[in-house]
Every structure is written in structure tokens, then in C-alpha cells.
Amino acid sequence: MRMLSRRCLLLGALIAPWAAHAQNWPAGNIKIVVPYPPGGSTDMIARLIQPHMQQRLGTTVIVENRAGGGGSVGTAAVAKSSPDGSSWVMVFDNHAANPFVFPNLPFNTETDLDPVQLIGTAPYVLSTNPQKPFKTLADVVTAAKAKPGTLSYATVGAGSIGHLAMELLWKQAGVQLVHVPYRGGAPAMNDLIAGHVDLFIASTAASIPFIQAGSIRALTQSGKTRTSTLANVPAIAESYPGFEAYAWWGVFAPAGTPKAIVNKFADELAASLRDPRVAKQLNETQQVTFALGGPEELRKFVSDQMRLWGPVAREHNIQAD
């Protein structure tokens, strides 16, 4: 009993400072790192919720862009930060692919970060130039089988989820296409519209304005089912059952951040995203389907994503630019 009491006292002494800090948090400025350049979807979401988080937490919330390495530079900075609730990182879907496409990732995705909140998901759209002869995904597959290795498809970069998803699709379809990686969606979209590439796999947010303008033709979307905005565009799963690929957004904290702080941040983030004006803008501009189930939902989701995309990257020897 005496030994047990001493252990309890020691444990209590170790936990007490963290518990006190969690109760008093936030005691200073909070930084949300966006590990991508300004102007992208992740940056937009962070800046959209920033004033709401400031109001709800009662402190200054700073959005900081730290781009590089497909998001790995900024994410590594947060992973190495003090786990005191002052630093957070908002990532995009390539977070789950980076461990497999970057040979020297400067952090361990599963052990150096604590999951906080899965914001939501959105499907990708595979589109073509209206002057091309393709009206459906089946047309693409037929043409690719007739002339293997001649059709081209663009992505926002080697090792991106769009790249991995298309390689998985072409394998299931039994065809080979030429991958053309771009540094971002704008130049890829420009070349699709100009007819320099046959296909482009892009987010719904990037695609819909051009689809509605008639500049590109949507062939298929990568969600489990069709979205209401693109109700006439079939899902890949309708031709290849079980196929799913999503853009997604999530927030992580440095490993070891007190659970009370993580839960508080997750709750306030969810409340900010549920604000009617915020939710409406994200639904309409990014086609986001919200998740907002908390840390364990994000943990399971990322684990599932890594199990899905890791084998694809290894099988096709895919590495990031």
C-alpha cells in the first residue's frame, strides 16, 4: 500500500502541471499552420474559421503558411513543437500519402502527431476537353485499350492522391495512360482547356466552375455515390464497385498535447465549421461533406487512407516531385 501510494503521488506530481495548464488553456496566442501556399483550399478553410476560433477561444489565432515538401515542411514544424496547445496543423489529403512518396519524411505520421478533427471530404472529378471524343469513362478505357500508352492524364503533382487514385483506376480497368504531373491545378486546368492533355483529375471545387462554363466535360467522380451538384456525372464506383478516393482536410496537434486541450480545440473547431455562413460557403465552394466526429474518427480515417494508398505507391514506385 505504501509503495502504491508513493507511485500515485509521483504520477500525480507529473500530471498536475499538465492538468493545470489544460484548465487554464489558452493562455496565449494560438497558431494554425497551413503547410501549403496561400490561396489553396486548406488555406481558405483555415482563414474562414480563424475569426470564429478567436471569438470562441478568447485569444488571438494566427494562420501561418509554411509551404514545402507536399505539406511535410510545415507539418514537421508542428510535430516538433511543444505539445502545449499553441501549435496546430491543418492538412490536406496528401498527408496520408506522404509517408510512402517521400523517402525521408522528417516526422512519423502516426506517432509524432495527435489527431484532432476530420473536417470533411469531397470527391475528385475526372474531366476532359469538350472537343475530345470521350463522353464517358468507358470511352476512355476503350480508347486506352486500343492505343496503350498514348492517352495522357494530368494531376497536381506526382505522389498526389489524384495521381495514386488514377493509377489504381487504370490498374482495375487494365489500361495504361501517360501521367503528366503539374505544379498545381491552375496550369493543369489551362492545358486541359487548351487540349494539351486528354484528361485531368481535380477537386470538385476546381472543376465545377469550368464544367458549368462548358470549358471542360466531366466524365466521372471519385466518391462512393454521386454528389448533388454533379448529379448527372456517374461515380467511378458505378463501373468499378468499391472504388473511392477523396480530397479531405484534417487538423493535428503535436503528439502528447493534453487530451483536454485537444478535445476543447476539436469542439470549438466543429462549432466554428457548423456556423451557417461558414458551412454554406464550404458546401458550395469546396463541396465539403462534413465529418466533425473528433480525434478518433480522424485517427481511423487516416489509418484507412494510409492502408489504401501505401500499396499503390509501392506497387507503382511512385515518388513525389
Protein backbone atom coordinates (compact mmCIF):
# COMPACT_ATOMS: atom_id res chain seq x y z
CA MET A 1 0.00 0.00 0.00
CA ARG A 2 2.86 2.35 0.88
CA MET A 3 4.57 1.61 -2.46
CA LEU A 4 1.28 2.17 -4.31
CA SER A 5 0.72 5.47 -2.53
CA ARG A 6 4.18 6.70 -3.44
CA ARG A 7 3.59 5.77 -7.10
CA CYS A 8 0.26 7.55 -7.10
CA LEU A 9 1.84 10.64 -5.58
CA LEU A 10 4.61 10.60 -8.16
CA LEU A 11 2.16 10.15 -11.01
CA GLY A 12 0.01 12.94 -9.64
CA ALA A 13 3.00 15.24 -9.42
CA LEU A 14 3.85 14.55 -13.06
CA ILE A 15 0.31 15.05 -14.30
CA ALA A 16 -0.59 18.08 -12.21
CA PRO A 17 1.24 20.71 -14.29
CA TRP A 18 -0.38 19.44 -17.50
CA ALA A 19 -3.82 19.30 -15.89
CA ALA A 20 -3.45 22.85 -14.57
CA HIS A 21 -2.29 24.03 -17.99
CA ALA A 22 -5.23 22.34 -19.68
CA GLN A 23 -7.66 24.09 -17.32
CA ASN A 24 -6.07 27.48 -18.00
CA TRP A 25 -5.67 26.98 -21.75
CA PRO A 26 -5.49 29.05 -23.88
CA ALA A 27 -3.13 31.38 -22.06
CA GLY A 28 -1.52 32.88 -25.17
CA ASN A 29 -1.69 33.12 -28.95
CA ILE A 30 -2.60 30.05 -30.97
CA LYS A 31 -1.04 29.24 -34.34
CA ILE A 32 -2.71 27.17 -37.05
CA VAL A 33 -0.06 26.17 -39.57
CA VAL A 34 -1.21 25.66 -43.14
CA PRO A 35 1.64 23.68 -44.77
CA TYR A 36 0.75 24.87 -48.27
CA PRO A 37 0.93 28.18 -50.17
CA PRO A 38 -1.77 30.84 -49.69
CA GLY A 39 -4.88 30.57 -51.83
CA GLY A 40 -5.49 26.81 -51.72
CA SER A 41 -8.48 25.07 -50.18
CA THR A 42 -6.73 24.35 -46.87
CA ASP A 43 -5.64 27.97 -46.55
CA MET A 44 -9.16 29.14 -47.35
CA ILE A 45 -10.72 26.90 -44.70
CA ALA A 46 -8.22 27.99 -42.04
CA ARG A 47 -8.80 31.69 -42.73
CA LEU A 48 -12.55 31.18 -42.87
CA ILE A 49 -12.71 29.68 -39.38
CA GLN A 50 -9.95 31.88 -37.86
CA PRO A 51 -12.22 34.72 -36.61
CA HIS A 52 -14.72 32.22 -35.21
CA MET A 53 -11.98 30.34 -33.35
CA GLN A 54 -10.63 33.61 -31.96
CA GLN A 55 -14.04 34.52 -30.61
CA ARG A 56 -14.76 31.09 -29.18
CA LEU A 57 -11.35 30.62 -27.56
CA GLY A 58 -10.93 34.21 -26.46
CA THR A 59 -7.41 34.60 -27.77
CA THR A 60 -5.51 35.57 -30.92
CA VAL A 61 -5.47 32.83 -33.56
CA ILE A 62 -2.81 33.20 -36.26
CA VAL A 63 -2.88 31.36 -39.60
CA GLU A 64 0.67 30.76 -40.81
CA ASN A 65 1.58 29.38 -44.25
CA ARG A 66 4.68 27.16 -44.20
CA ALA A 67 4.75 25.50 -47.61
CA GLY A 68 7.16 22.92 -48.96
CA GLY A 69 7.58 19.20 -49.46
CA GLY A 70 3.94 18.49 -50.22
CA GLY A 71 2.96 19.81 -46.81
CA SER A 72 5.72 17.99 -44.94
CA VAL A 73 7.76 21.09 -44.02
CA GLY A 74 5.02 22.87 -42.10
CA THR A 75 3.69 19.64 -40.64
CA ALA A 76 7.17 18.72 -39.37
CA ALA A 77 7.45 22.11 -37.67
CA VAL A 78 4.24 21.44 -35.73
CA ALA A 79 5.23 17.84 -34.96
CA LYS A 80 8.40 19.18 -33.32
CA SER A 81 6.60 21.96 -31.43
CA SER A 82 5.84 21.94 -27.73
CA PRO A 83 2.64 19.97 -27.05
CA ASP A 84 1.03 22.79 -25.11
CA GLY A 85 -1.89 23.71 -27.35
CA SER A 86 -0.20 26.67 -29.01
CA SER A 87 0.51 24.98 -32.38
CA TRP A 88 -1.80 23.07 -34.71
CA VAL A 89 -1.58 21.99 -38.34
CA MET A 90 -4.38 21.78 -40.90
CA VAL A 91 -3.51 19.22 -43.57
CA PHE A 92 -4.87 18.13 -46.93
CA ASP A 93 -5.37 14.62 -48.31
CA ASN A 94 -1.74 14.08 -49.39
CA HIS A 95 -0.88 13.85 -45.69
CA ALA A 96 -1.83 10.15 -45.86
CA ALA A 97 0.28 9.55 -48.98
CA ASN A 98 3.41 11.47 -47.96
CA PRO A 99 4.89 8.64 -45.82
CA PHE A 100 5.05 6.50 -48.97
CA VAL A 101 6.05 9.02 -51.64
CA PHE A 102 8.67 10.99 -49.69
CA PRO A 103 11.66 8.76 -48.85
CA ASN A 104 12.90 10.94 -45.97
CA LEU A 105 9.82 12.40 -44.31
CA PRO A 106 11.07 14.40 -41.28
CA PHE A 107 8.43 13.06 -38.88
CA ASN A 108 6.42 9.92 -38.21
CA THR A 109 2.86 10.49 -39.39
CA GLU A 110 1.35 8.07 -36.87
CA THR A 111 3.40 8.73 -33.74
CA ASP A 112 4.55 12.37 -33.90
CA LEU A 113 1.10 13.90 -34.29
CA ASP A 114 -2.15 13.56 -32.36
CA PRO A 115 -5.38 13.60 -34.40
CA VAL A 116 -7.83 16.37 -33.57
CA GLN A 117 -10.61 16.71 -36.13
CA LEU A 118 -11.51 15.35 -39.56
CA ILE A 119 -13.15 18.38 -41.15
CA GLY A 120 -14.68 16.62 -44.12
CA THR A 121 -14.29 15.08 -47.56
CA ALA A 122 -15.02 15.87 -51.21
CA PRO A 123 -14.76 13.71 -54.33
CA TYR A 124 -12.43 14.28 -57.24
CA VAL A 125 -13.66 14.75 -60.81
CA LEU A 126 -12.07 13.32 -63.96
CA SER A 127 -12.67 15.71 -66.85
CA THR A 128 -11.74 16.15 -70.49
CA ASN A 129 -11.81 18.84 -73.15
CA PRO A 130 -15.24 19.00 -74.86
CA GLN A 131 -13.50 18.64 -78.23
CA LYS A 132 -12.10 15.25 -77.24
CA PRO A 133 -14.16 12.20 -78.25
CA PHE A 134 -14.73 10.96 -74.69
CA LYS A 135 -18.23 11.16 -73.26
CA THR A 136 -17.86 8.54 -70.51
CA LEU A 137 -15.21 6.72 -68.52
CA ALA A 138 -15.93 3.67 -70.67
CA ASP A 139 -14.94 5.69 -73.75
CA VAL A 140 -11.57 6.46 -72.13
CA VAL A 141 -10.96 2.83 -71.25
CA THR A 142 -11.89 1.67 -74.76
CA ALA A 143 -9.54 4.22 -76.36
CA ALA A 144 -6.73 3.36 -73.95
CA LYS A 145 -7.05 -0.33 -74.75
CA ALA A 146 -6.98 0.39 -78.46
CA LYS A 147 -3.81 2.51 -78.20
CA PRO A 148 -1.96 1.67 -74.97
CA GLY A 149 0.27 4.39 -73.53
CA THR A 150 -0.98 7.19 -75.77
CA LEU A 151 -3.71 8.93 -73.75
CA SER A 152 -2.50 11.40 -71.12
CA TYR A 153 -3.88 12.48 -67.77
CA ALA A 154 -2.83 15.46 -65.69
CA THR A 155 -2.57 15.73 -61.91
CA VAL A 156 -1.45 18.43 -59.49
CA GLY A 157 1.78 16.51 -58.90
CA ALA A 158 3.50 13.15 -58.65
CA GLY A 159 2.51 11.36 -55.47
CA SER A 160 -0.71 13.34 -55.04
CA ILE A 161 -3.91 11.49 -54.14
CA GLY A 162 -5.19 12.22 -57.65
CA HIS A 163 -2.13 10.51 -59.10
CA LEU A 164 -2.47 7.47 -56.82
CA ALA A 165 -6.22 7.24 -57.44
CA MET A 166 -5.81 7.24 -61.20
CA GLU A 167 -3.08 4.59 -61.10
CA LEU A 168 -5.41 2.43 -59.02
CA LEU A 169 -8.24 3.03 -61.50
CA TRP A 170 -6.13 2.26 -64.57
CA LYS A 171 -4.95 -0.96 -62.97
CA GLN A 172 -8.54 -2.03 -62.26
CA ALA A 173 -9.51 -1.11 -65.83
CA GLY A 174 -6.50 -2.92 -67.28
CA VAL A 175 -5.15 0.07 -69.22
CA GLN A 176 -2.08 2.28 -69.31
CA LEU A 177 -2.14 6.06 -69.60
CA VAL A 178 0.66 8.62 -69.55
CA HIS A 179 0.88 10.62 -66.33
CA VAL A 180 1.61 14.36 -66.74
CA PRO A 181 2.32 15.94 -63.34
CA TYR A 182 1.88 19.70 -62.89
CA ARG A 183 2.87 22.02 -60.07
CA GLY A 184 -0.63 22.98 -59.12
CA GLY A 185 -4.13 22.87 -60.50
CA ALA A 186 -4.18 26.13 -62.49
CA PRO A 187 -1.58 25.19 -65.13
CA ALA A 188 -3.07 21.71 -65.45
CA MET A 189 -6.55 23.13 -66.00
CA ASN A 190 -5.21 25.59 -68.56
CA ASP A 191 -3.62 22.76 -70.54
CA LEU A 192 -6.79 20.66 -70.33
CA ILE A 193 -8.85 23.53 -71.71
CA ALA A 194 -6.23 24.08 -74.43
CA GLY A 195 -6.34 20.39 -75.34
CA HIS A 196 -2.71 19.69 -74.48
CA VAL A 197 -3.68 16.80 -72.17
CA ASP A 198 -6.55 14.37 -72.60
CA LEU A 199 -7.75 14.20 -69.01
CA PHE A 200 -7.36 15.96 -65.66
CA ILE A 201 -8.21 14.60 -62.21
CA ALA A 202 -9.02 17.59 -60.00
CA SER A 203 -11.07 18.53 -56.97
CA THR A 204 -14.75 19.27 -57.40
CA ALA A 205 -14.10 22.85 -56.24
CA ALA A 206 -11.54 23.40 -59.00
CA SER A 207 -13.61 21.63 -61.64
CA ILE A 208 -17.20 22.81 -61.20
CA PRO A 209 -16.78 26.42 -62.43
CA PHE A 210 -15.24 25.18 -65.69
CA ILE A 211 -17.82 22.39 -66.03
CA GLN A 212 -20.64 24.90 -65.61
CA ALA A 213 -19.00 27.24 -68.13
CA GLY A 214 -18.71 24.42 -70.68
CA SER A 215 -14.92 24.71 -70.83
CA ILE A 216 -14.45 21.09 -69.75
CA ARG A 217 -16.61 17.96 -69.70
CA ALA A 218 -16.91 15.90 -66.51
CA LEU A 219 -16.68 12.16 -67.14
CA THR A 220 -16.80 10.64 -63.68
CA GLN A 221 -16.38 11.43 -59.99
CA SER A 222 -14.50 9.50 -57.34
CA GLY A 223 -16.89 9.44 -54.40
CA LYS A 224 -18.86 6.40 -53.33
CA THR A 225 -22.00 7.98 -54.79
CA ARG A 226 -22.84 10.96 -56.97
CA THR A 227 -22.88 14.43 -55.46
CA SER A 228 -25.99 16.58 -55.77
CA THR A 229 -24.01 19.28 -57.59
CA LEU A 230 -22.91 16.77 -60.25
CA ALA A 231 -25.95 14.52 -60.20
CA ASN A 232 -25.58 13.65 -63.89
CA VAL A 233 -21.93 12.63 -63.55
CA PRO A 234 -21.53 8.92 -62.69
CA ALA A 235 -19.33 7.76 -59.83
CA ILE A 236 -16.36 5.54 -60.70
CA ALA A 237 -17.85 3.01 -58.27
CA GLU A 238 -20.76 2.51 -60.65
CA SER A 239 -18.32 0.90 -63.09
CA TYR A 240 -15.72 -0.36 -60.61
CA PRO A 241 -17.50 -1.31 -57.38
CA GLY A 242 -15.76 -0.29 -54.19
CA PHE A 243 -13.65 2.45 -55.77
CA GLU A 244 -13.43 5.57 -53.62
CA ALA A 245 -10.96 8.46 -53.50
CA TYR A 246 -11.45 11.71 -51.65
CA ALA A 247 -9.96 15.08 -51.05
CA TRP A 248 -10.05 15.66 -47.30
CA TRP A 249 -9.00 18.12 -44.64
CA GLY A 250 -7.95 17.47 -41.05
CA VAL A 251 -6.28 19.06 -38.04
CA PHE A 252 -3.47 17.59 -35.94
CA ALA A 253 -1.55 18.61 -32.82
CA PRO A 254 1.97 17.71 -31.64
CA ALA A 255 1.99 14.26 -30.03
CA GLY A 256 1.46 14.48 -26.29
CA THR A 257 -0.84 17.50 -26.31
CA PRO A 258 -3.14 17.09 -23.28
CA LYS A 259 -6.35 15.35 -24.18
CA ALA A 260 -8.46 18.07 -22.57
CA ILE A 261 -6.87 20.68 -24.84
CA VAL A 262 -7.25 18.52 -27.94
CA ASN A 263 -10.92 17.89 -27.18
CA LYS A 264 -11.59 21.56 -26.47
CA PHE A 265 -9.95 22.63 -29.74
CA ALA A 266 -11.83 19.92 -31.66
CA ASP A 267 -15.16 21.01 -30.18
CA GLU A 268 -14.62 24.70 -30.92
CA LEU A 269 -13.41 23.92 -34.42
CA ALA A 270 -16.52 21.85 -35.10
CA ALA A 271 -18.74 24.63 -33.76
CA SER A 272 -16.96 27.18 -35.97
CA LEU A 273 -17.41 25.00 -39.06
CA ARG A 274 -21.10 24.48 -38.26
CA ASP A 275 -21.71 28.23 -38.31
CA PRO A 276 -24.37 28.57 -41.05
CA ARG A 277 -22.38 31.03 -43.16
CA VAL A 278 -19.17 29.00 -42.90
CA ALA A 279 -20.93 25.72 -43.63
CA LYS A 280 -22.78 27.20 -46.61
CA GLN A 281 -19.58 28.58 -48.13
CA LEU A 282 -17.67 25.31 -47.73
CA ASN A 283 -20.56 23.26 -49.07
CA GLU A 284 -20.95 25.49 -52.12
CA THR A 285 -17.34 26.39 -52.96
CA GLN A 286 -15.49 23.24 -51.88
CA GLN A 287 -18.32 20.66 -51.98
CA VAL A 288 -17.26 19.57 -48.49
CA THR A 289 -19.24 16.86 -46.74
CA PHE A 290 -18.54 17.46 -43.06
CA ALA A 291 -17.34 14.73 -40.71
CA LEU A 292 -16.51 16.50 -37.40
CA GLY A 293 -16.52 13.34 -35.30
CA GLY A 294 -13.45 14.17 -33.20
CA PRO A 295 -9.96 12.72 -32.73
CA GLU A 296 -10.75 9.02 -33.01
CA GLU A 297 -12.64 9.46 -36.27
CA LEU A 298 -9.62 11.20 -37.78
CA ARG A 299 -7.25 8.57 -36.42
CA LYS A 300 -9.20 5.74 -38.04
CA PHE A 301 -9.74 7.66 -41.29
CA VAL A 302 -6.04 8.45 -41.78
CA SER A 303 -5.08 4.88 -40.90
CA ASP A 304 -7.51 3.60 -43.54
CA GLN A 305 -6.19 6.08 -46.10
CA MET A 306 -2.59 5.02 -45.45
CA ARG A 307 -3.53 1.35 -45.88
CA LEU A 308 -5.22 2.23 -49.18
CA TRP A 309 -2.57 4.45 -50.78
CA GLY A 310 0.61 2.94 -49.39
CA PRO A 311 0.39 -0.25 -51.50
CA VAL A 312 -0.46 1.79 -54.63
CA ALA A 313 2.60 3.99 -54.18
CA ARG A 314 4.87 0.99 -53.57
CA GLU A 315 3.49 -1.10 -56.44
CA HIS A 316 3.95 1.69 -58.98
CA ASN A 317 7.16 3.03 -57.41
CA ILE A 318 5.61 6.49 -57.10
CA GLN A 319 7.66 9.24 -55.51
CA ALA A 320 6.82 12.90 -55.10
CA ASP A 321 8.44 15.57 -57.26
